[in-house]
Amino acid sequence: MSLLNDAAGVESSRVLSRFRNDVYACLKARADALFELADALLCEPGPVRSPVDLSLSPEYRRGHGALYGGLSHGRTDVEQLFLRPAVSVL
């Protein structure tokens, strides 16, 4: 692997980490449960038929009670989410 490839990998990781931190900052209540739910949803290989399916995903490390608590009582600052600058990887 060349140094250029190494630098691109580091930069990509940095951009992804910043994006994840920005998204997490938009979650105002039950942030951990909602963030893990988003991870589980994005990593699921096929269609998701119910939230319970996501609670069984390895990316969702909490129980199904936390999942329903996040869905029922979680809050997202939607305005803040949409005001985030678009991430450019080019």
N, C-alpha and C. Protein backbone atom coordinates (compact mmCIF):
# COMPACT_ATOMS: atom_id res chain seq x y z
N MET A 1 0.85 -1.18 0.00
CA MET A 1 0.00 0.00 0.00
C MET A 1 0.90 1.24 0.00
N SER A 2 0.55 2.20 -0.81
CA SER A 2 1.37 3.41 -0.91
C SER A 2 1.01 4.40 0.19
N LEU A 3 1.90 5.37 0.36
CA LEU A 3 1.64 6.42 1.34
C LEU A 3 0.41 7.23 0.96
N LEU A 4 0.18 7.38 -0.34
CA LEU A 4 -1.01 8.10 -0.80
C LEU A 4 -2.28 7.38 -0.38
N ASN A 5 -2.30 6.06 -0.52
CA ASN A 5 -3.45 5.27 -0.09
C ASN A 5 -3.64 5.37 1.42
N ASP A 6 -2.54 5.34 2.17
CA ASP A 6 -2.63 5.49 3.62
C ASP A 6 -3.23 6.83 4.00
N ALA A 7 -2.78 7.89 3.34
CA ALA A 7 -3.29 9.24 3.64
C ALA A 7 -4.77 9.34 3.30
N ALA A 8 -5.19 8.74 2.18
CA ALA A 8 -6.60 8.78 1.79
C ALA A 8 -7.45 8.03 2.81
N GLY A 9 -6.94 6.91 3.31
CA GLY A 9 -7.68 6.15 4.32
C GLY A 9 -7.82 6.92 5.61
N VAL A 10 -6.79 7.60 6.03
CA VAL A 10 -6.84 8.41 7.25
C VAL A 10 -7.82 9.56 7.07
N GLU A 11 -7.76 10.22 5.92
CA GLU A 11 -8.67 11.34 5.66
C GLU A 11 -10.12 10.87 5.61
N SER A 12 -10.37 9.74 4.97
CA SER A 12 -11.73 9.20 4.91
C SER A 12 -12.25 8.89 6.31
N SER A 13 -11.40 8.31 7.14
CA SER A 13 -11.80 8.00 8.52
C SER A 13 -12.11 9.27 9.29
N ARG A 14 -11.31 10.31 9.06
CA ARG A 14 -11.52 11.57 9.76
C ARG A 14 -12.85 12.20 9.34
N VAL A 15 -13.15 12.18 8.05
CA VAL A 15 -14.40 12.75 7.55
C VAL A 15 -15.59 11.97 8.09
N LEU A 16 -15.51 10.65 8.08
CA LEU A 16 -16.60 9.83 8.60
C LEU A 16 -16.80 10.06 10.09
N SER A 17 -15.71 10.15 10.82
CA SER A 17 -15.81 10.40 12.26
C SER A 17 -16.47 11.75 12.54
N ARG A 18 -16.09 12.77 11.79
CA ARG A 18 -16.70 14.09 11.98
C ARG A 18 -18.19 14.06 11.64
N PHE A 19 -18.55 13.37 10.57
CA PHE A 19 -19.95 13.24 10.19
C PHE A 19 -20.75 12.56 11.30
N ARG A 20 -20.21 11.45 11.83
CA ARG A 20 -20.91 10.73 12.90
C ARG A 20 -21.07 11.61 14.14
N ASN A 21 -20.04 12.38 14.49
CA ASN A 21 -20.12 13.29 15.64
C ASN A 21 -21.17 14.37 15.42
N ASP A 22 -21.24 14.89 14.19
CA ASP A 22 -22.23 15.92 13.87
C ASP A 22 -23.66 15.36 13.98
N VAL A 23 -23.87 14.17 13.47
CA VAL A 23 -25.20 13.55 13.56
C VAL A 23 -25.56 13.30 15.03
N TYR A 24 -24.61 12.77 15.80
CA TYR A 24 -24.87 12.50 17.22
C TYR A 24 -25.23 13.78 17.96
N ALA A 25 -24.59 14.90 17.60
CA ALA A 25 -24.88 16.18 18.27
C ALA A 25 -26.31 16.65 18.02
N CYS A 26 -26.95 16.16 16.98
CA CYS A 26 -28.33 16.54 16.67
C CYS A 26 -29.35 15.74 17.49
N LEU A 27 -28.92 14.69 18.14
CA LEU A 27 -29.81 13.86 18.95
C LEU A 27 -29.86 14.43 20.36
N LYS A 28 -31.03 14.85 20.78
CA LYS A 28 -31.16 15.60 22.03
C LYS A 28 -31.66 14.78 23.22
N ALA A 29 -32.35 13.71 22.98
CA ALA A 29 -32.83 12.84 24.07
C ALA A 29 -32.69 11.40 23.59
N ARG A 30 -32.24 10.54 24.50
CA ARG A 30 -32.01 9.13 24.18
C ARG A 30 -31.06 8.99 22.99
N ALA A 31 -30.03 9.83 23.00
CA ALA A 31 -29.10 9.90 21.87
C ALA A 31 -28.40 8.57 21.60
N ASP A 32 -27.93 7.90 22.64
CA ASP A 32 -27.20 6.65 22.43
C ASP A 32 -28.08 5.60 21.76
N ALA A 33 -29.29 5.47 22.25
CA ALA A 33 -30.21 4.46 21.69
C ALA A 33 -30.55 4.80 20.24
N LEU A 34 -30.82 6.07 19.95
CA LEU A 34 -31.16 6.46 18.58
C LEU A 34 -29.97 6.31 17.63
N PHE A 35 -28.78 6.63 18.11
CA PHE A 35 -27.59 6.53 17.26
C PHE A 35 -27.29 5.07 16.94
N GLU A 36 -27.39 4.20 17.93
CA GLU A 36 -27.17 2.78 17.67
C GLU A 36 -28.26 2.21 16.77
N LEU A 37 -29.47 2.72 16.90
CA LEU A 37 -30.56 2.31 16.02
C LEU A 37 -30.25 2.69 14.57
N ALA A 38 -29.74 3.89 14.36
CA ALA A 38 -29.35 4.31 13.02
C ALA A 38 -28.22 3.43 12.48
N ASP A 39 -27.24 3.12 13.31
CA ASP A 39 -26.16 2.22 12.89
C ASP A 39 -26.71 0.86 12.47
N ALA A 40 -27.59 0.33 13.30
CA ALA A 40 -28.17 -0.99 13.00
C ALA A 40 -28.97 -0.94 11.69
N LEU A 41 -29.71 0.12 11.50
CA LEU A 41 -30.51 0.26 10.28
C LEU A 41 -29.62 0.34 9.05
N LEU A 42 -28.55 1.10 9.13
CA LEU A 42 -27.65 1.26 7.99
C LEU A 42 -26.82 0.01 7.69
N CYS A 43 -26.59 -0.80 8.71
CA CYS A 43 -25.76 -2.00 8.52
C CYS A 43 -26.57 -3.25 8.20
N GLU A 44 -27.88 -3.15 8.29
CA GLU A 44 -28.72 -4.32 8.03
C GLU A 44 -28.63 -4.71 6.56
N PRO A 45 -28.35 -5.98 6.25
CA PRO A 45 -28.13 -6.37 4.86
C PRO A 45 -29.39 -6.43 4.00
N GLY A 46 -30.54 -6.54 4.61
CA GLY A 46 -31.77 -6.66 3.83
C GLY A 46 -32.84 -5.75 4.39
N PRO A 47 -34.08 -5.97 3.97
CA PRO A 47 -35.17 -5.12 4.46
C PRO A 47 -35.41 -5.34 5.96
N VAL A 48 -35.80 -4.27 6.62
CA VAL A 48 -36.12 -4.32 8.05
C VAL A 48 -37.63 -4.37 8.17
N ARG A 49 -38.13 -5.40 8.81
CA ARG A 49 -39.57 -5.58 8.91
C ARG A 49 -40.16 -5.00 10.20
N SER A 50 -39.33 -4.88 11.23
CA SER A 50 -39.81 -4.31 12.49
C SER A 50 -38.62 -3.80 13.29
N PRO A 51 -38.88 -2.89 14.23
CA PRO A 51 -37.79 -2.41 15.08
C PRO A 51 -37.14 -3.53 15.89
N VAL A 52 -37.92 -4.54 16.24
CA VAL A 52 -37.35 -5.65 17.02
C VAL A 52 -36.23 -6.33 16.25
N ASP A 53 -36.36 -6.43 14.93
CA ASP A 53 -35.28 -7.00 14.11
C ASP A 53 -33.99 -6.23 14.33
N LEU A 54 -34.08 -4.91 14.42
CA LEU A 54 -32.89 -4.09 14.61
C LEU A 54 -32.29 -4.29 15.99
N SER A 55 -33.12 -4.58 16.99
CA SER A 55 -32.59 -4.78 18.34
C SER A 55 -31.76 -6.06 18.42
N LEU A 56 -31.91 -6.95 17.44
CA LEU A 56 -31.12 -8.18 17.41
C LEU A 56 -29.83 -8.02 16.61
N SER A 57 -29.65 -6.88 15.98
CA SER A 57 -28.46 -6.61 15.19
C SER A 57 -27.24 -6.43 16.09
N PRO A 58 -26.05 -6.85 15.67
CA PRO A 58 -24.84 -6.66 16.48
C PRO A 58 -24.51 -5.19 16.72
N GLU A 59 -24.94 -4.31 15.82
CA GLU A 59 -24.67 -2.88 15.99
C GLU A 59 -25.52 -2.25 17.08
N TYR A 60 -26.63 -2.86 17.41
CA TYR A 60 -27.49 -2.34 18.47
C TYR A 60 -27.18 -3.13 19.73
N ARG A 61 -26.45 -2.50 20.64
CA ARG A 61 -25.94 -3.21 21.81
C ARG A 61 -26.87 -3.11 23.02
N ARG A 62 -28.03 -2.53 22.85
CA ARG A 62 -28.97 -2.36 23.95
C ARG A 62 -30.11 -3.35 23.82
N GLY A 63 -30.95 -3.40 24.79
CA GLY A 63 -32.10 -4.29 24.74
C GLY A 63 -33.26 -3.66 23.97
N HIS A 64 -34.29 -4.47 23.73
CA HIS A 64 -35.42 -3.94 22.97
C HIS A 64 -36.16 -2.85 23.72
N GLY A 65 -36.09 -2.85 25.05
CA GLY A 65 -36.72 -1.78 25.83
C GLY A 65 -36.11 -0.42 25.53
N ALA A 66 -34.79 -0.38 25.41
CA ALA A 66 -34.12 0.88 25.07
C ALA A 66 -34.48 1.33 23.66
N LEU A 67 -34.67 0.37 22.78
CA LEU A 67 -35.07 0.70 21.42
C LEU A 67 -36.42 1.40 21.41
N TYR A 68 -37.39 0.82 22.09
CA TYR A 68 -38.72 1.44 22.13
C TYR A 68 -38.70 2.74 22.92
N GLY A 69 -37.87 2.83 23.96
CA GLY A 69 -37.72 4.09 24.68
C GLY A 69 -37.16 5.18 23.79
N GLY A 70 -36.16 4.82 22.98
CA GLY A 70 -35.58 5.79 22.05
C GLY A 70 -36.59 6.25 21.02
N LEU A 71 -37.37 5.31 20.49
CA LEU A 71 -38.38 5.68 19.50
C LEU A 71 -39.50 6.51 20.11
N SER A 72 -39.89 6.20 21.35
CA SER A 72 -41.00 6.91 21.99
C SER A 72 -40.60 8.25 22.58
N HIS A 73 -39.41 8.31 23.18
CA HIS A 73 -39.04 9.50 23.95
C HIS A 73 -37.80 10.21 23.41
N GLY A 74 -37.18 9.66 22.39
CA GLY A 74 -36.00 10.30 21.81
C GLY A 74 -36.38 11.57 21.08
N ARG A 75 -35.43 12.49 21.03
CA ARG A 75 -35.67 13.75 20.32
C ARG A 75 -34.50 14.04 19.40
N THR A 76 -34.81 14.55 18.23
CA THR A 76 -33.81 14.95 17.26
C THR A 76 -34.03 16.40 16.90
N ASP A 77 -32.96 17.19 16.92
CA ASP A 77 -33.05 18.58 16.47
C ASP A 77 -32.95 18.55 14.95
N VAL A 78 -34.09 18.47 14.30
CA VAL A 78 -34.15 18.31 12.84
C VAL A 78 -33.55 19.53 12.15
N GLU A 79 -33.82 20.72 12.68
CA GLU A 79 -33.27 21.94 12.08
C GLU A 79 -31.75 21.90 12.09
N GLN A 80 -31.18 21.51 13.21
CA GLN A 80 -29.72 21.40 13.32
C GLN A 80 -29.19 20.33 12.36
N LEU A 81 -29.91 19.25 12.22
CA LEU A 81 -29.50 18.17 11.33
C LEU A 81 -29.43 18.65 9.88
N PHE A 82 -30.41 19.43 9.46
CA PHE A 82 -30.44 19.91 8.07
C PHE A 82 -29.52 21.10 7.84
N LEU A 83 -29.08 21.77 8.89
CA LEU A 83 -28.18 22.89 8.73
C LEU A 83 -26.71 22.46 8.65
N ARG A 84 -26.45 21.20 8.91
CA ARG A 84 -25.08 20.69 8.83
C ARG A 84 -24.59 20.79 7.39
N PRO A 85 -23.34 21.21 7.20
CA PRO A 85 -22.82 21.25 5.82
C PRO A 85 -22.70 19.85 5.26
N ALA A 86 -22.87 19.74 3.96
CA ALA A 86 -22.73 18.44 3.30
C ALA A 86 -21.29 17.98 3.41
N VAL A 87 -21.09 16.71 3.61
CA VAL A 87 -19.76 16.14 3.72
C VAL A 87 -19.23 15.86 2.32
N SER A 88 -18.06 16.34 2.05
CA SER A 88 -17.44 16.08 0.75
C SER A 88 -16.22 15.20 0.96
N VAL A 89 -16.15 14.12 0.21
CA VAL A 89 -15.02 13.21 0.33
C VAL A 89 -14.08 13.33 -0.86
N LEU A 90 -14.34 14.29 -1.72
CA LEU A 90 -13.49 14.48 -2.89
C LEU A 90 -12.34 15.39 -2.60
